[in-house]
Amino acid sequence: MTGTIKVMFDYGAYPIWYRYNDEQIFKNGIPVELSDAMEIEILFDEIEKRYEALFINNEVEFSYSGFQLEDEKNDFLKLLEKGMQLLESKCKTHFTLIDNSHIEEL
């Protein structure tokens, strides 16, 4: 089976979205074809954790606070690049990969 994987950030959602060619709607998470690729899950769990930390979310406020230091941003971008490379190497036979992360906006 083939399909599409998008890496896309949305607060409160896992950064990997996928769909198979016969489906209209993207699902959030890791497709079963990649379930044995623990390194992908570990990397994207960390990416998600760092992305969620860029927001203030409490009873009073929900807002984007961003990176406190340029080094934090650079580390995040390196981690994301590594994740994208790993995803591409693992999914190229089953999925088309789309980088919709809009990292330039972070």
PDB file of N, CA and C in Angstrom:
ATOM      1  N   MET A   1       0.844  -1.182   0.000  1.00  0.00           N
ATOM      2  CA  MET A   1       0.000   0.000   0.000  1.00  0.00           C
ATOM      3  C   MET A   1       0.886   1.241   0.000  1.00  0.00           C
ATOM      4  N   THR A   2       0.474   2.257  -0.691  1.00  0.00           N
ATOM      5  CA  THR A   2       1.220   3.508  -0.728  1.00  0.00           C
ATOM      6  C   THR A   2       0.339   4.646  -0.246  1.00  0.00           C
ATOM      7  N   GLY A   3       0.989   5.737   0.074  1.00  0.00           N
ATOM      8  CA  GLY A   3       0.257   6.888   0.564  1.00  0.00           C
ATOM      9  C   GLY A   3       1.167   8.084   0.709  1.00  0.00           C
ATOM     10  N   THR A   4       0.770   8.978   1.600  1.00  0.00           N
ATOM     11  CA  THR A   4       1.490  10.228   1.823  1.00  0.00           C
ATOM     12  C   THR A   4       1.696  10.428   3.318  1.00  0.00           C
ATOM     13  N   ILE A   5       2.890  10.874   3.674  1.00  0.00           N
ATOM     14  CA  ILE A   5       3.185  11.291   5.045  1.00  0.00           C
ATOM     15  C   ILE A   5       3.537  12.769   5.000  1.00  0.00           C
ATOM     16  N   LYS A   6       2.912  13.529   5.896  1.00  0.00           N
ATOM     17  CA  LYS A   6       3.228  14.955   6.051  1.00  0.00           C
ATOM     18  C   LYS A   6       3.797  15.163   7.440  1.00  0.00           C
ATOM     19  N   VAL A   7       4.837  15.958   7.506  1.00  0.00           N
ATOM     20  CA  VAL A   7       5.312  16.430   8.801  1.00  0.00           C
ATOM     21  C   VAL A   7       4.767  17.845   8.928  1.00  0.00           C
ATOM     22  N   MET A   8       3.913  18.026   9.936  1.00  0.00           N
ATOM     23  CA  MET A   8       3.195  19.286  10.083  1.00  0.00           C
ATOM     24  C   MET A   8       2.948  19.523  11.569  1.00  0.00           C
ATOM     25  N   PHE A   9       3.192  20.723  12.017  1.00  0.00           N
ATOM     26  CA  PHE A   9       2.997  21.054  13.424  1.00  0.00           C
ATOM     27  C   PHE A   9       1.641  21.681  13.656  1.00  0.00           C
ATOM     28  N   ASP A  10       0.981  21.180  14.695  1.00  0.00           N
ATOM     29  CA  ASP A  10      -0.281  21.733  15.164  1.00  0.00           C
ATOM     30  C   ASP A  10      -0.303  21.463  16.666  1.00  0.00           C
ATOM     31  N   TYR A  11      -0.473  22.492  17.459  1.00  0.00           N
ATOM     32  CA  TYR A  11      -0.413  22.325  18.901  1.00  0.00           C
ATOM     33  C   TYR A  11      -1.366  21.222  19.343  1.00  0.00           C
ATOM     34  N   GLY A  12      -0.876  20.329  20.195  1.00  0.00           N
ATOM     35  CA  GLY A  12      -1.691  19.258  20.732  1.00  0.00           C
ATOM     36  C   GLY A  12      -1.796  18.032  19.843  1.00  0.00           C
ATOM     37  N   ALA A  13      -1.073  18.027  18.714  1.00  0.00           N
ATOM     38  CA  ALA A  13      -1.136  16.895  17.790  1.00  0.00           C
ATOM     39  C   ALA A  13       0.274  16.397  17.480  1.00  0.00           C
ATOM     40  N   TYR A  14       0.372  15.116  17.226  1.00  0.00           N
ATOM     41  CA  TYR A  14       1.653  14.521  16.833  1.00  0.00           C
ATOM     42  C   TYR A  14       2.085  15.111  15.490  1.00  0.00           C
ATOM     43  N   PRO A  15       3.374  15.373  15.273  1.00  0.00           N
ATOM     44  CA  PRO A  15       3.811  16.055  14.049  1.00  0.00           C
ATOM     45  C   PRO A  15       3.794  15.204  12.774  1.00  0.00           C
ATOM     46  N   ILE A  16       3.461  13.922  12.876  1.00  0.00           N
ATOM     47  CA  ILE A  16       3.381  13.074  11.690  1.00  0.00           C
ATOM     48  C   ILE A  16       1.910  12.830  11.352  1.00  0.00           C
ATOM     49  N   TRP A  17       1.563  13.102  10.097  1.00  0.00           N
ATOM     50  CA  TRP A  17       0.218  12.880   9.573  1.00  0.00           C
ATOM     51  C   TRP A  17       0.354  11.979   8.358  1.00  0.00           C
ATOM     52  N   TYR A  18      -0.560  11.044   8.175  1.00  0.00           N
ATOM     53  CA  TYR A  18      -0.454  10.151   7.029  1.00  0.00           C
ATOM     54  C   TYR A  18      -1.829   9.801   6.475  1.00  0.00           C
ATOM     55  N   ARG A  19      -1.822   9.393   5.223  1.00  0.00           N
ATOM     56  CA  ARG A  19      -3.023   8.836   4.601  1.00  0.00           C
ATOM     57  C   ARG A  19      -2.587   7.889   3.498  1.00  0.00           C
ATOM     58  N   TYR A  20      -3.439   6.938   3.234  1.00  0.00           N
ATOM     59  CA  TYR A  20      -3.201   6.016   2.135  1.00  0.00           C
ATOM     60  C   TYR A  20      -3.874   6.594   0.892  1.00  0.00           C
ATOM     61  N   ASN A  21      -3.449   6.154  -0.263  1.00  0.00           N
ATOM     62  CA  ASN A  21      -3.939   6.736  -1.513  1.00  0.00           C
ATOM     63  C   ASN A  21      -5.451   6.690  -1.667  1.00  0.00           C
ATOM     64  N   ASP A  22      -6.107   5.714  -1.072  1.00  0.00           N
ATOM     65  CA  ASP A  22      -7.557   5.600  -1.220  1.00  0.00           C
ATOM     66  C   ASP A  22      -8.330   6.373  -0.146  1.00  0.00           C
ATOM     67  N   GLU A  23      -7.633   7.136   0.695  1.00  0.00           N
ATOM     68  CA  GLU A  23      -8.284   7.891   1.762  1.00  0.00           C
ATOM     69  C   GLU A  23      -8.213   9.388   1.487  1.00  0.00           C
ATOM     70  N   GLN A  24      -9.214  10.106   1.920  1.00  0.00           N
ATOM     71  CA  GLN A  24      -9.273  11.548   1.745  1.00  0.00           C
ATOM     72  C   GLN A  24      -8.627  12.308   2.904  1.00  0.00           C
ATOM     73  N   ILE A  25      -8.746  11.756   4.111  1.00  0.00           N
ATOM     74  CA  ILE A  25      -8.360  12.481   5.318  1.00  0.00           C
ATOM     75  C   ILE A  25      -7.047  11.939   5.880  1.00  0.00           C
ATOM     76  N   PHE A  26      -6.193  12.858   6.308  1.00  0.00           N
ATOM     77  CA  PHE A  26      -4.941  12.471   6.970  1.00  0.00           C
ATOM     78  C   PHE A  26      -5.231  12.040   8.399  1.00  0.00           C
ATOM     79  N   LYS A  27      -4.534  10.988   8.843  1.00  0.00           N
ATOM     80  CA  LYS A  27      -4.597  10.528  10.229  1.00  0.00           C
ATOM     81  C   LYS A  27      -3.341  11.010  10.938  1.00  0.00           C
ATOM     82  N   ASN A  28      -3.450  11.195  12.224  1.00  0.00           N
ATOM     83  CA  ASN A  28      -2.341  11.686  13.018  1.00  0.00           C
ATOM     84  C   ASN A  28      -1.661  10.525  13.719  1.00  0.00           C
ATOM     85  N   GLY A  29      -0.326  10.399  13.569  1.00  0.00           N
ATOM     86  CA  GLY A  29       0.423   9.345  14.229  1.00  0.00           C
ATOM     87  C   GLY A  29       1.388   8.676  13.268  1.00  0.00           C
ATOM     88  N   ILE A  30       1.857   7.520  13.658  1.00  0.00           N
ATOM     89  CA  ILE A  30       2.818   6.779  12.850  1.00  0.00           C
ATOM     90  C   ILE A  30       2.090   5.617  12.176  1.00  0.00           C
ATOM     91  N   PRO A  31       2.169   5.517  10.853  1.00  0.00           N
ATOM     92  CA  PRO A  31       1.484   4.422  10.168  1.00  0.00           C
ATOM     93  C   PRO A  31       2.077   3.063  10.541  1.00  0.00           C
ATOM     94  N   VAL A  32       1.272   2.039  10.420  1.00  0.00           N
ATOM     95  CA  VAL A  32       1.671   0.693  10.814  1.00  0.00           C
ATOM     96  C   VAL A  32       2.926   0.227  10.070  1.00  0.00           C
ATOM     97  N   GLU A  33       3.134   0.691   8.861  1.00  0.00           N
ATOM     98  CA  GLU A  33       4.315   0.299   8.093  1.00  0.00           C
ATOM     99  C   GLU A  33       5.613   0.759   8.745  1.00  0.00           C
ATOM    100  N   LEU A  34       5.538   1.751   9.612  1.00  0.00           N
ATOM    101  CA  LEU A  34       6.725   2.269  10.296  1.00  0.00           C
ATOM    102  C   LEU A  34       6.743   1.902  11.775  1.00  0.00           C
ATOM    103  N   SER A  35       5.844   1.028  12.179  1.00  0.00           N
ATOM    104  CA  SER A  35       5.728   0.709  13.603  1.00  0.00           C
ATOM    105  C   SER A  35       6.967   0.028  14.174  1.00  0.00           C
ATOM    106  N   ASP A  36       7.794  -0.558  13.316  1.00  0.00           N
ATOM    107  CA  ASP A  36       9.014  -1.194  13.810  1.00  0.00           C
ATOM    108  C   ASP A  36      10.197  -0.224  13.857  1.00  0.00           C
ATOM    109  N   ALA A  37       9.984   1.000  13.425  1.00  0.00           N
ATOM    110  CA  ALA A  37      11.048   2.010  13.396  1.00  0.00           C
ATOM    111  C   ALA A  37      10.993   2.841  14.677  1.00  0.00           C
ATOM    112  N   MET A  38      11.450   2.257  15.773  1.00  0.00           N
ATOM    113  CA  MET A  38      11.397   2.928  17.074  1.00  0.00           C
ATOM    114  C   MET A  38      12.157   4.251  17.081  1.00  0.00           C
ATOM    115  N   GLU A  39      13.232   4.326  16.311  1.00  0.00           N
ATOM    116  CA  GLU A  39      14.017   5.566  16.272  1.00  0.00           C
ATOM    117  C   GLU A  39      13.173   6.733  15.776  1.00  0.00           C
ATOM    118  N   ILE A  40      12.288   6.479  14.814  1.00  0.00           N
ATOM    119  CA  ILE A  40      11.391   7.533  14.328  1.00  0.00           C
ATOM    120  C   ILE A  40      10.477   7.997  15.453  1.00  0.00           C
ATOM    121  N   GLU A  41       9.893   7.059  16.150  1.00  0.00           N
ATOM    122  CA  GLU A  41       8.982   7.410  17.235  1.00  0.00           C
ATOM    123  C   GLU A  41       9.706   8.180  18.341  1.00  0.00           C
ATOM    124  N   ILE A  42      10.884   7.741  18.720  1.00  0.00           N
ATOM    125  CA  ILE A  42      11.654   8.424  19.760  1.00  0.00           C
ATOM    126  C   ILE A  42      12.002   9.848  19.334  1.00  0.00           C
ATOM    127  N   LEU A  43      12.475  10.002  18.097  1.00  0.00           N
ATOM    128  CA  LEU A  43      12.840  11.337  17.594  1.00  0.00           C
ATOM    129  C   LEU A  43      11.632  12.265  17.543  1.00  0.00           C
ATOM    130  N   PHE A  44      10.529  11.773  16.982  1.00  0.00           N
ATOM    131  CA  PHE A  44       9.371  12.649  16.834  1.00  0.00           C
ATOM    132  C   PHE A  44       8.634  12.882  18.149  1.00  0.00           C
ATOM    133  N   ASP A  45       8.776  11.987  19.118  1.00  0.00           N
ATOM    134  CA  ASP A  45       8.267  12.275  20.469  1.00  0.00           C
ATOM    135  C   ASP A  45       9.016  13.470  21.055  1.00  0.00           C
ATOM    136  N   GLU A  46      10.331  13.485  20.871  1.00  0.00           N
ATOM    137  CA  GLU A  46      11.145  14.603  21.372  1.00  0.00           C
ATOM    138  C   GLU A  46      10.839  15.888  20.609  1.00  0.00           C
ATOM    139  N   ILE A  47      10.677  15.790  19.303  1.00  0.00           N
ATOM    140  CA  ILE A  47      10.332  16.960  18.488  1.00  0.00           C
ATOM    141  C   ILE A  47       8.997  17.537  18.946  1.00  0.00           C
ATOM    142  N   GLU A  48       8.020  16.674  19.158  1.00  0.00           N
ATOM    143  CA  GLU A  48       6.707  17.135  19.615  1.00  0.00           C
ATOM    144  C   GLU A  48       6.816  17.812  20.984  1.00  0.00           C
ATOM    145  N   LYS A  49       7.555  17.202  21.885  1.00  0.00           N
ATOM    146  CA  LYS A  49       7.739  17.758  23.233  1.00  0.00           C
ATOM    147  C   LYS A  49       8.355  19.163  23.156  1.00  0.00           C
ATOM    148  N   ARG A  50       9.372  19.315  22.345  1.00  0.00           N
ATOM    149  CA  ARG A  50      10.025  20.632  22.215  1.00  0.00           C
ATOM    150  C   ARG A  50       9.105  21.646  21.543  1.00  0.00           C
ATOM    151  N   TYR A  51       8.333  21.206  20.565  1.00  0.00           N
ATOM    152  CA  TYR A  51       7.396  22.119  19.902  1.00  0.00           C
ATOM    153  C   TYR A  51       6.323  22.601  20.883  1.00  0.00           C
ATOM    154  N   GLU A  52       5.750  21.677  21.637  1.00  0.00           N
ATOM    155  CA  GLU A  52       4.704  22.043  22.598  1.00  0.00           C
ATOM    156  C   GLU A  52       5.228  23.027  23.644  1.00  0.00           C
ATOM    157  N   ALA A  53       6.527  22.931  23.978  1.00  0.00           N
ATOM    158  CA  ALA A  53       7.132  23.825  24.962  1.00  0.00           C
ATOM    159  C   ALA A  53       7.253  25.261  24.454  1.00  0.00           C
ATOM    160  N   LEU A  54       7.009  25.473  23.178  1.00  0.00           N
ATOM    161  CA  LEU A  54       7.081  26.824  22.607  1.00  0.00           C
ATOM    162  C   LEU A  54       5.825  27.639  22.887  1.00  0.00           C
ATOM    163  N   PHE A  55       4.857  27.045  23.578  1.00  0.00           N
ATOM    164  CA  PHE A  55       3.578  27.709  23.838  1.00  0.00           C
ATOM    165  C   PHE A  55       3.327  27.828  25.329  1.00  0.00           C
ATOM    166  N   ILE A  56       2.613  28.873  25.681  1.00  0.00           N
ATOM    167  CA  ILE A  56       2.067  29.026  27.025  1.00  0.00           C
ATOM    168  C   ILE A  56       0.623  28.562  26.928  1.00  0.00           C
ATOM    169  N   ASN A  57       0.266  27.583  27.737  1.00  0.00           N
ATOM    170  CA  ASN A  57      -1.094  27.056  27.698  1.00  0.00           C
ATOM    171  C   ASN A  57      -1.540  26.778  29.129  1.00  0.00           C
ATOM    172  N   ASN A  58      -2.330  27.707  29.658  1.00  0.00           N
ATOM    173  CA  ASN A  58      -2.847  27.536  31.007  1.00  0.00           C
ATOM    174  C   ASN A  58      -4.283  28.049  31.066  1.00  0.00           C
ATOM    175  N   GLU A  59      -4.853  28.143  32.235  1.00  0.00           N
ATOM    176  CA  GLU A  59      -6.248  28.558  32.383  1.00  0.00           C
ATOM    177  C   GLU A  59      -6.500  29.981  31.899  1.00  0.00           C
ATOM    178  N   VAL A  60      -5.457  30.801  31.870  1.00  0.00           N
ATOM    179  CA  VAL A  60      -5.601  32.215  31.544  1.00  0.00           C
ATOM    180  C   VAL A  60      -5.153  32.543  30.126  1.00  0.00           C
ATOM    181  N   GLU A  61      -4.193  31.804  29.623  1.00  0.00           N
ATOM    182  CA  GLU A  61      -3.547  32.223  28.383  1.00  0.00           C
ATOM    183  C   GLU A  61      -3.170  31.040  27.493  1.00  0.00           C
ATOM    184  N   PHE A  62      -3.341  31.242  26.204  1.00  0.00           N
ATOM    185  CA  PHE A  62      -2.750  30.359  25.200  1.00  0.00           C
ATOM    186  C   PHE A  62      -2.041  31.263  24.200  1.00  0.00           C
ATOM    187  N   SER A  63      -0.720  31.142  24.152  1.00  0.00           N
ATOM    188  CA  SER A  63       0.034  31.981  23.228  1.00  0.00           C
ATOM    189  C   SER A  63       1.350  31.313  22.858  1.00  0.00           C
ATOM    190  N   TYR A  64       1.909  31.775  21.769  1.00  0.00           N
ATOM    191  CA  TYR A  64       3.202  31.295  21.301  1.00  0.00           C
ATOM    192  C   TYR A  64       4.283  32.104  21.993  1.00  0.00           C
ATOM    193  N   SER A  65       5.211  31.436  22.669  1.00  0.00           N
ATOM    194  CA  SER A  65       6.298  32.160  23.331  1.00  0.00           C
ATOM    195  C   SER A  65       7.613  32.022  22.573  1.00  0.00           C
ATOM    196  N   GLY A  66       7.747  30.971  21.774  1.00  0.00           N
ATOM    197  CA  GLY A  66       8.942  30.804  20.945  1.00  0.00           C
ATOM    198  C   GLY A  66      10.136  30.282  21.719  1.00  0.00           C
ATOM    199  N   PHE A  67      11.246  30.248  21.030  1.00  0.00           N
ATOM    200  CA  PHE A  67      12.499  29.789  21.625  1.00  0.00           C
ATOM    201  C   PHE A  67      13.094  30.909  22.472  1.00  0.00           C
ATOM    202  N   GLN A  68      13.641  30.545  23.614  1.00  0.00           N
ATOM    203  CA  GLN A  68      14.265  31.526  24.494  1.00  0.00           C
ATOM    204  C   GLN A  68      15.674  31.878  24.022  1.00  0.00           C
ATOM    205  N   LEU A  69      16.348  30.911  23.427  1.00  0.00           N
ATOM    206  CA  LEU A  69      17.725  31.102  22.951  1.00  0.00           C
ATOM    207  C   LEU A  69      17.855  30.617  21.518  1.00  0.00           C
ATOM    208  N   GLU A  70      18.731  31.228  20.773  1.00  0.00           N
ATOM    209  CA  GLU A  70      18.977  30.817  19.392  1.00  0.00           C
ATOM    210  C   GLU A  70      19.516  29.387  19.335  1.00  0.00           C
ATOM    211  N   ASP A  71      20.306  29.000  20.328  1.00  0.00           N
ATOM    212  CA  ASP A  71      20.836  27.628  20.376  1.00  0.00           C
ATOM    213  C   ASP A  71      19.704  26.604  20.498  1.00  0.00           C
ATOM    214  N   GLU A  72      18.660  26.933  21.266  1.00  0.00           N
ATOM    215  CA  GLU A  72      17.515  26.033  21.390  1.00  0.00           C
ATOM    216  C   GLU A  72      16.840  25.840  20.035  1.00  0.00           C
ATOM    217  N   LYS A  73      16.707  26.922  19.310  1.00  0.00           N
ATOM    218  CA  LYS A  73      16.095  26.851  17.976  1.00  0.00           C
ATOM    219  C   LYS A  73      16.964  26.013  17.039  1.00  0.00           C
ATOM    220  N   ASN A  74      18.251  26.253  17.055  1.00  0.00           N
ATOM    221  CA  ASN A  74      19.160  25.490  16.189  1.00  0.00           C
ATOM    222  C   ASN A  74      19.145  24.004  16.522  1.00  0.00           C
ATOM    223  N   ASP A  75      19.117  23.671  17.816  1.00  0.00           N
ATOM    224  CA  ASP A  75      19.042  22.272  18.236  1.00  0.00           C
ATOM    225  C   ASP A  75      17.741  21.627  17.754  1.00  0.00           C
ATOM    226  N   PHE A  76      16.649  22.372  17.861  1.00  0.00           N
ATOM    227  CA  PHE A  76      15.354  21.874  17.397  1.00  0.00           C
ATOM    228  C   PHE A  76      15.386  21.612  15.890  1.00  0.00           C
ATOM    229  N   LEU A  77      15.931  22.553  15.153  1.00  0.00           N
ATOM    230  CA  LEU A  77      15.990  22.409  13.699  1.00  0.00           C
ATOM    231  C   LEU A  77      16.877  21.236  13.280  1.00  0.00           C
ATOM    232  N   LYS A  78      17.965  21.019  13.992  1.00  0.00           N
ATOM    233  CA  LYS A  78      18.834  19.863  13.714  1.00  0.00           C
ATOM    234  C   LYS A  78      18.107  18.558  14.001  1.00  0.00           C
ATOM    235  N   LEU A  79      17.376  18.521  15.105  1.00  0.00           N
ATOM    236  CA  LEU A  79      16.613  17.330  15.460  1.00  0.00           C
ATOM    237  C   LEU A  79      15.529  17.055  14.411  1.00  0.00           C
ATOM    238  N   LEU A  80      14.867  18.104  13.964  1.00  0.00           N
ATOM    239  CA  LEU A  80      13.841  17.967  12.932  1.00  0.00           C
ATOM    240  C   LEU A  80      14.452  17.475  11.619  1.00  0.00           C
ATOM    241  N   GLU A  81      15.594  18.018  11.251  1.00  0.00           N
ATOM    242  CA  GLU A  81      16.265  17.583  10.026  1.00  0.00           C
ATOM    243  C   GLU A  81      16.634  16.095  10.114  1.00  0.00           C
ATOM    244  N   LYS A  82      17.141  15.683  11.256  1.00  0.00           N
ATOM    245  CA  LYS A  82      17.485  14.270  11.448  1.00  0.00           C
ATOM    246  C   LYS A  82      16.235  13.399  11.344  1.00  0.00           C
ATOM    247  N   GLY A  83      15.159  13.848  11.939  1.00  0.00           N
ATOM    248  CA  GLY A  83      13.896  13.117  11.870  1.00  0.00           C
ATOM    249  C   GLY A  83      13.380  13.005  10.453  1.00  0.00           C
ATOM    250  N   MET A  84      13.472  14.082   9.690  1.00  0.00           N
ATOM    251  CA  MET A  84      13.023  14.070   8.300  1.00  0.00           C
ATOM    252  C   MET A  84      13.858  13.107   7.470  1.00  0.00           C
ATOM    253  N   GLN A  85      15.159  13.120   7.674  1.00  0.00           N
ATOM    254  CA  GLN A  85      16.035  12.214   6.927  1.00  0.00           C
ATOM    255  C   GLN A  85      15.720  10.758   7.256  1.00  0.00           C
ATOM    256  N   LEU A  86      15.507  10.476   8.518  1.00  0.00           N
ATOM    257  CA  LEU A  86      15.188   9.120   8.925  1.00  0.00           C
ATOM    258  C   LEU A  86      13.834   8.690   8.359  1.00  0.00           C
ATOM    259  N   LEU A  87      12.863   9.567   8.448  1.00  0.00           N
ATOM    260  CA  LEU A  87      11.540   9.267   7.892  1.00  0.00           C
ATOM    261  C   LEU A  87      11.648   8.972   6.397  1.00  0.00           C
ATOM    262  N   GLU A  88      12.380   9.822   5.699  1.00  0.00           N
ATOM    263  CA  GLU A  88      12.528   9.641   4.258  1.00  0.00           C
ATOM    264  C   GLU A  88      13.178   8.300   3.930  1.00  0.00           C
ATOM    265  N   SER A  89      14.202   7.926   4.675  1.00  0.00           N
ATOM    266  CA  SER A  89      14.888   6.670   4.394  1.00  0.00           C
ATOM    267  C   SER A  89      14.004   5.455   4.704  1.00  0.00           C
ATOM    268  N   LYS A  90      13.139   5.564   5.698  1.00  0.00           N
ATOM    269  CA  LYS A  90      12.307   4.431   6.106  1.00  0.00           C
ATOM    270  C   LYS A  90      11.008   4.307   5.316  1.00  0.00           C
ATOM    271  N   CYS A  91      10.509   5.421   4.772  1.00  0.00           N
ATOM    272  CA  CYS A  91       9.172   5.356   4.178  1.00  0.00           C
ATOM    273  C   CYS A  91       9.152   5.488   2.660  1.00  0.00           C
ATOM    274  N   LYS A  92      10.289   5.653   2.036  1.00  0.00           N
ATOM    275  CA  LYS A  92      10.291   5.946   0.599  1.00  0.00           C
ATOM    276  C   LYS A  92       9.670   4.852  -0.266  1.00  0.00           C
ATOM    277  N   THR A  93       9.617   3.612   0.212  1.00  0.00           N
ATOM    278  CA  THR A  93       9.003   2.561  -0.596  1.00  0.00           C
ATOM    279  C   THR A  93       7.489   2.528  -0.449  1.00  0.00           C
ATOM    280  N   HIS A  94       6.947   3.088   0.632  1.00  0.00           N
ATOM    281  CA  HIS A  94       5.511   3.041   0.880  1.00  0.00           C
ATOM    282  C   HIS A  94       4.816   4.405   0.781  1.00  0.00           C
ATOM    283  N   PHE A  95       5.558   5.472   1.044  1.00  0.00           N
ATOM    284  CA  PHE A  95       4.929   6.775   1.168  1.00  0.00           C
ATOM    285  C   PHE A  95       5.716   7.863   0.443  1.00  0.00           C
ATOM    286  N   THR A  96       4.991   8.878   0.021  1.00  0.00           N
ATOM    287  CA  THR A  96       5.590  10.120  -0.434  1.00  0.00           C
ATOM    288  C   THR A  96       5.668  11.023   0.795  1.00  0.00           C
ATOM    289  N   LEU A  97       6.804  11.642   1.023  1.00  0.00           N
ATOM    290  CA  LEU A  97       7.004  12.486   2.195  1.00  0.00           C
ATOM    291  C   LEU A  97       6.859  13.950   1.826  1.00  0.00           C
ATOM    292  N   ILE A  98       6.061  14.662   2.608  1.00  0.00           N
ATOM    293  CA  ILE A  98       5.854  16.102   2.414  1.00  0.00           C
ATOM    294  C   ILE A  98       6.287  16.820   3.684  1.00  0.00           C
ATOM    295  N   ASP A  99       7.208  17.757   3.538  1.00  0.00           N
ATOM    296  CA  ASP A  99       7.630  18.573   4.675  1.00  0.00           C
ATOM    297  C   ASP A  99       6.749  19.810   4.711  1.00  0.00           C
ATOM    298  N   ASN A 100       5.792  19.797   5.594  1.00  0.00           N
ATOM    299  CA  ASN A 100       4.871  20.918   5.745  1.00  0.00           C
ATOM    300  C   ASN A 100       5.053  21.540   7.131  1.00  0.00           C
ATOM    301  N   SER A 101       6.307  21.460   7.630  1.00  0.00           N
ATOM    302  CA  SER A 101       6.581  21.891   8.995  1.00  0.00           C
ATOM    303  C   SER A 101       6.689  23.405   9.140  1.00  0.00           C
ATOM    304  N   HIS A 102       6.911  24.118   8.056  1.00  0.00           N
ATOM    305  CA  HIS A 102       7.037  25.578   8.096  1.00  0.00           C
ATOM    306  C   HIS A 102       8.032  26.033   9.145  1.00  0.00           C
ATOM    307  N   ILE A 103       9.199  25.396   9.158  1.00  0.00           N
ATOM    308  CA  ILE A 103      10.191  25.694  10.181  1.00  0.00           C
ATOM    309  C   ILE A 103      10.694  27.123  10.114  1.00  0.00           C
ATOM    310  N   GLU A 104      10.575  27.763   8.979  1.00  0.00           N
ATOM    311  CA  GLU A 104      11.032  29.154   8.871  1.00  0.00           C
ATOM    312  C   GLU A 104      10.180  30.093   9.711  1.00  0.00           C
ATOM    313  N   GLU A 105       8.996  29.639  10.117  1.00  0.00           N
ATOM    314  CA  GLU A 105       8.086  30.489  10.915  1.00  0.00           C
ATOM    315  C   GLU A 105       8.300  30.330  12.412  1.00  0.00           C
ATOM    316  N   LEU A 106       9.129  29.382  12.815  1.00  0.00           N
ATOM    317  CA  LEU A 106       9.295  29.151  14.252  1.00  0.00           C
ATOM    318  C   LEU A 106      10.161  30.208  14.895  1.00  0.00           C
TER     319      LEU A 106
END
